[in-house]
Amino acid sequence: MKVKEFREERSRLTKLTLDKANLNIKRFFALDHAAYEDGAIPLKYKEMLGLVASMVLRCDDCICYHLDQCQAAGVNETELNEAMNIALIVGGSIVIPQLRRAMAYWQELAGLRE
């Protein structure tokens, strides 16, 4: 999935969801946002944790989101590879398709930085 397309679609759908959401849904979104704020565990590591969980759960949208956030938080390729290795250990070989797509997305993100 292309970075620009993913970001635009996610933004559009999040706005639609929150425009129509009840209080409980809005609270959940706020809780999710707050969980990834810098704290005792730095933001960078929280995003890598989110990436690992997303890979194990095989959620491509979540993987792309956390890759975006990892890049913004300054995760380097060596750190990313270690996080992805943990996802493979926890999730097993069924995570390999997500790993492949995550690597392609990360490369596209790297191209946007250049």
C-alpha atoms as a PDB file:
ATOM      1  CA  MET A   1       0.000   0.000   0.000  1.00  0.00           C
ATOM      2  CA  LYS A   2       1.309   3.420  -0.839  1.00  0.00           C
ATOM      3  CA  VAL A   3       2.113   5.710   2.071  1.00  0.00           C
ATOM      4  CA  LYS A   4       0.154   8.705   0.779  1.00  0.00           C
ATOM      5  CA  GLU A   5      -2.917   6.596  -0.026  1.00  0.00           C
ATOM      6  CA  PHE A   6      -2.816   4.911   3.378  1.00  0.00           C
ATOM      7  CA  ARG A   7      -2.501   8.187   5.270  1.00  0.00           C
ATOM      8  CA  GLU A   8      -5.312   9.866   3.322  1.00  0.00           C
ATOM      9  CA  GLU A   9      -7.685   6.905   3.693  1.00  0.00           C
ATOM     10  CA  ARG A  10      -6.930   6.515   7.407  1.00  0.00           C
ATOM     11  CA  SER A  11      -7.510  10.215   8.005  1.00  0.00           C
ATOM     12  CA  ARG A  12     -10.779  10.211   6.052  1.00  0.00           C
ATOM     13  CA  LEU A  13     -12.120   7.122   7.808  1.00  0.00           C
ATOM     14  CA  THR A  14     -11.058   8.316  11.260  1.00  0.00           C
ATOM     15  CA  LYS A  15     -12.879  11.603  10.711  1.00  0.00           C
ATOM     16  CA  LEU A  16     -15.986   9.771   9.494  1.00  0.00           C
ATOM     17  CA  THR A  17     -15.872   7.424  12.477  1.00  0.00           C
ATOM     18  CA  LEU A  18     -15.427  10.170  15.049  1.00  0.00           C
ATOM     19  CA  ASP A  19     -18.098  12.336  13.431  1.00  0.00           C
ATOM     20  CA  LYS A  20     -20.598   9.487  13.847  1.00  0.00           C
ATOM     21  CA  ALA A  21     -19.226   7.968  17.070  1.00  0.00           C
ATOM     22  CA  ASN A  22     -20.942   7.783  20.415  1.00  0.00           C
ATOM     23  CA  LEU A  23     -19.197   8.801  23.636  1.00  0.00           C
ATOM     24  CA  ASN A  24     -17.790   5.324  24.349  1.00  0.00           C
ATOM     25  CA  ILE A  25     -16.148   5.064  20.929  1.00  0.00           C
ATOM     26  CA  LYS A  26     -14.666   8.548  21.323  1.00  0.00           C
ATOM     27  CA  ARG A  27     -13.359   7.601  24.767  1.00  0.00           C
ATOM     28  CA  PHE A  28     -11.710   4.491  23.355  1.00  0.00           C
ATOM     29  CA  PHE A  29      -9.979   6.533  20.635  1.00  0.00           C
ATOM     30  CA  ALA A  30      -8.764   8.975  23.306  1.00  0.00           C
ATOM     31  CA  LEU A  31      -7.520   6.112  25.491  1.00  0.00           C
ATOM     32  CA  ASP A  32      -5.649   4.611  22.544  1.00  0.00           C
ATOM     33  CA  HIS A  33      -4.026   7.970  21.806  1.00  0.00           C
ATOM     34  CA  ALA A  34      -3.038   8.499  25.436  1.00  0.00           C
ATOM     35  CA  ALA A  35      -1.454   5.043  25.704  1.00  0.00           C
ATOM     36  CA  TYR A  36       1.184   5.989  23.137  1.00  0.00           C
ATOM     37  CA  GLU A  37       2.202   9.310  24.699  1.00  0.00           C
ATOM     38  CA  ASP A  38       5.720   9.650  26.041  1.00  0.00           C
ATOM     39  CA  GLY A  39       5.973   8.436  29.627  1.00  0.00           C
ATOM     40  CA  ALA A  40       8.023   6.039  31.725  1.00  0.00           C
ATOM     41  CA  ILE A  41       8.394   4.090  28.487  1.00  0.00           C
ATOM     42  CA  PRO A  42       9.555   6.464  25.753  1.00  0.00           C
ATOM     43  CA  LEU A  43       7.276   6.994  22.752  1.00  0.00           C
ATOM     44  CA  LYS A  44       9.779   5.302  20.426  1.00  0.00           C
ATOM     45  CA  TYR A  45       9.560   2.028  22.354  1.00  0.00           C
ATOM     46  CA  LYS A  46       5.796   2.219  22.730  1.00  0.00           C
ATOM     47  CA  GLU A  47       5.483   2.476  18.948  1.00  0.00           C
ATOM     48  CA  MET A  48       7.733  -0.545  18.483  1.00  0.00           C
ATOM     49  CA  LEU A  49       5.559  -2.430  20.985  1.00  0.00           C
ATOM     50  CA  GLY A  50       2.487  -1.407  18.995  1.00  0.00           C
ATOM     51  CA  LEU A  51       4.172  -2.573  15.804  1.00  0.00           C
ATOM     52  CA  VAL A  52       4.994  -5.987  17.282  1.00  0.00           C
ATOM     53  CA  ALA A  53       1.443  -6.448  18.560  1.00  0.00           C
ATOM     54  CA  SER A  54       0.011  -5.372  15.212  1.00  0.00           C
ATOM     55  CA  MET A  55       2.235  -7.799  13.321  1.00  0.00           C
ATOM     56  CA  VAL A  56       1.299 -10.694  15.590  1.00  0.00           C
ATOM     57  CA  LEU A  57      -2.389  -9.794  15.234  1.00  0.00           C
ATOM     58  CA  ARG A  58      -1.803  -9.441  11.459  1.00  0.00           C
ATOM     59  CA  CYS A  59      -3.468  -6.021  11.147  1.00  0.00           C
ATOM     60  CA  ASP A  60      -1.985  -4.386   8.044  1.00  0.00           C
ATOM     61  CA  ASP A  61      -3.571  -0.994   8.740  1.00  0.00           C
ATOM     62  CA  CYS A  62      -2.150  -0.986  12.268  1.00  0.00           C
ATOM     63  CA  ILE A  63       1.257  -2.075  10.994  1.00  0.00           C
ATOM     64  CA  CYS A  64       1.385   0.822   8.525  1.00  0.00           C
ATOM     65  CA  TYR A  65       0.253   3.262  11.203  1.00  0.00           C
ATOM     66  CA  HIS A  66       2.896   2.087  13.676  1.00  0.00           C
ATOM     67  CA  LEU A  67       5.586   2.125  10.987  1.00  0.00           C
ATOM     68  CA  ASP A  68       4.687   5.768  10.296  1.00  0.00           C
ATOM     69  CA  GLN A  69       4.894   6.509  14.010  1.00  0.00           C
ATOM     70  CA  CYS A  70       8.146   4.548  14.409  1.00  0.00           C
ATOM     71  CA  GLN A  71       9.721   6.588  11.648  1.00  0.00           C
ATOM     72  CA  ALA A  72       8.506   9.845  13.224  1.00  0.00           C
ATOM     73  CA  ALA A  73       9.896   8.708  16.604  1.00  0.00           C
ATOM     74  CA  GLY A  74      13.324   8.058  15.122  1.00  0.00           C
ATOM     75  CA  VAL A  75      13.374   4.266  15.020  1.00  0.00           C
ATOM     76  CA  ASN A  76      16.260   3.142  12.846  1.00  0.00           C
ATOM     77  CA  GLU A  77      16.415   0.091  10.611  1.00  0.00           C
ATOM     78  CA  THR A  78      18.418  -1.971  13.111  1.00  0.00           C
ATOM     79  CA  GLU A  79      15.851  -1.320  15.851  1.00  0.00           C
ATOM     80  CA  LEU A  80      13.032  -2.051  13.424  1.00  0.00           C
ATOM     81  CA  ASN A  81      14.572  -5.389  12.478  1.00  0.00           C
ATOM     82  CA  GLU A  82      14.885  -6.392  16.122  1.00  0.00           C
ATOM     83  CA  ALA A  83      11.246  -5.486  16.761  1.00  0.00           C
ATOM     84  CA  MET A  84      10.144  -7.441  13.692  1.00  0.00           C
ATOM     85  CA  ASN A  85      12.201 -10.408  14.848  1.00  0.00           C
ATOM     86  CA  ILE A  86      10.312 -10.376  18.147  1.00  0.00           C
ATOM     87  CA  ALA A  87       7.034 -10.349  16.192  1.00  0.00           C
ATOM     88  CA  LEU A  88       8.207 -13.420  14.279  1.00  0.00           C
ATOM     89  CA  ILE A  89       9.227 -15.216  17.464  1.00  0.00           C
ATOM     90  CA  VAL A  90       5.907 -14.449  19.164  1.00  0.00           C
ATOM     91  CA  GLY A  91       3.677 -14.949  16.130  1.00  0.00           C
ATOM     92  CA  GLY A  92       5.556 -17.598  14.194  1.00  0.00           C
ATOM     93  CA  SER A  93       5.832 -18.037  10.458  1.00  0.00           C
ATOM     94  CA  ILE A  94       2.252 -16.902   9.888  1.00  0.00           C
ATOM     95  CA  VAL A  95       3.599 -13.353  10.463  1.00  0.00           C
ATOM     96  CA  ILE A  96       5.909 -13.584   7.419  1.00  0.00           C
ATOM     97  CA  PRO A  97       3.402 -12.010   4.960  1.00  0.00           C
ATOM     98  CA  GLN A  98       3.006  -9.020   7.297  1.00  0.00           C
ATOM     99  CA  LEU A  99       6.782  -8.813   7.656  1.00  0.00           C
ATOM    100  CA  ARG A 100       7.161  -8.646   3.883  1.00  0.00           C
ATOM    101  CA  ARG A 101       4.581  -5.889   3.505  1.00  0.00           C
ATOM    102  CA  ALA A 102       5.998  -4.018   6.490  1.00  0.00           C
ATOM    103  CA  MET A 103       9.465  -4.042   4.936  1.00  0.00           C
ATOM    104  CA  ALA A 104       8.074  -2.690   1.667  1.00  0.00           C
ATOM    105  CA  TYR A 105       6.164   0.061   3.488  1.00  0.00           C
ATOM    106  CA  TRP A 106       9.251   0.963   5.550  1.00  0.00           C
ATOM    107  CA  GLN A 107      11.289   1.241   2.336  1.00  0.00           C
ATOM    108  CA  GLU A 108       8.674   3.565   0.883  1.00  0.00           C
ATOM    109  CA  LEU A 109       8.841   5.675   4.061  1.00  0.00           C
ATOM    110  CA  ALA A 110      12.618   5.808   3.715  1.00  0.00           C
ATOM    111  CA  GLY A 111      12.194   7.050   0.140  1.00  0.00           C
ATOM    112  CA  LEU A 112      10.003   9.894   1.353  1.00  0.00           C
ATOM    113  CA  ARG A 113      12.761  11.009   3.740  1.00  0.00           C
ATOM    114  CA  GLU A 114      15.344  11.258   0.979  1.00  0.00           C
END
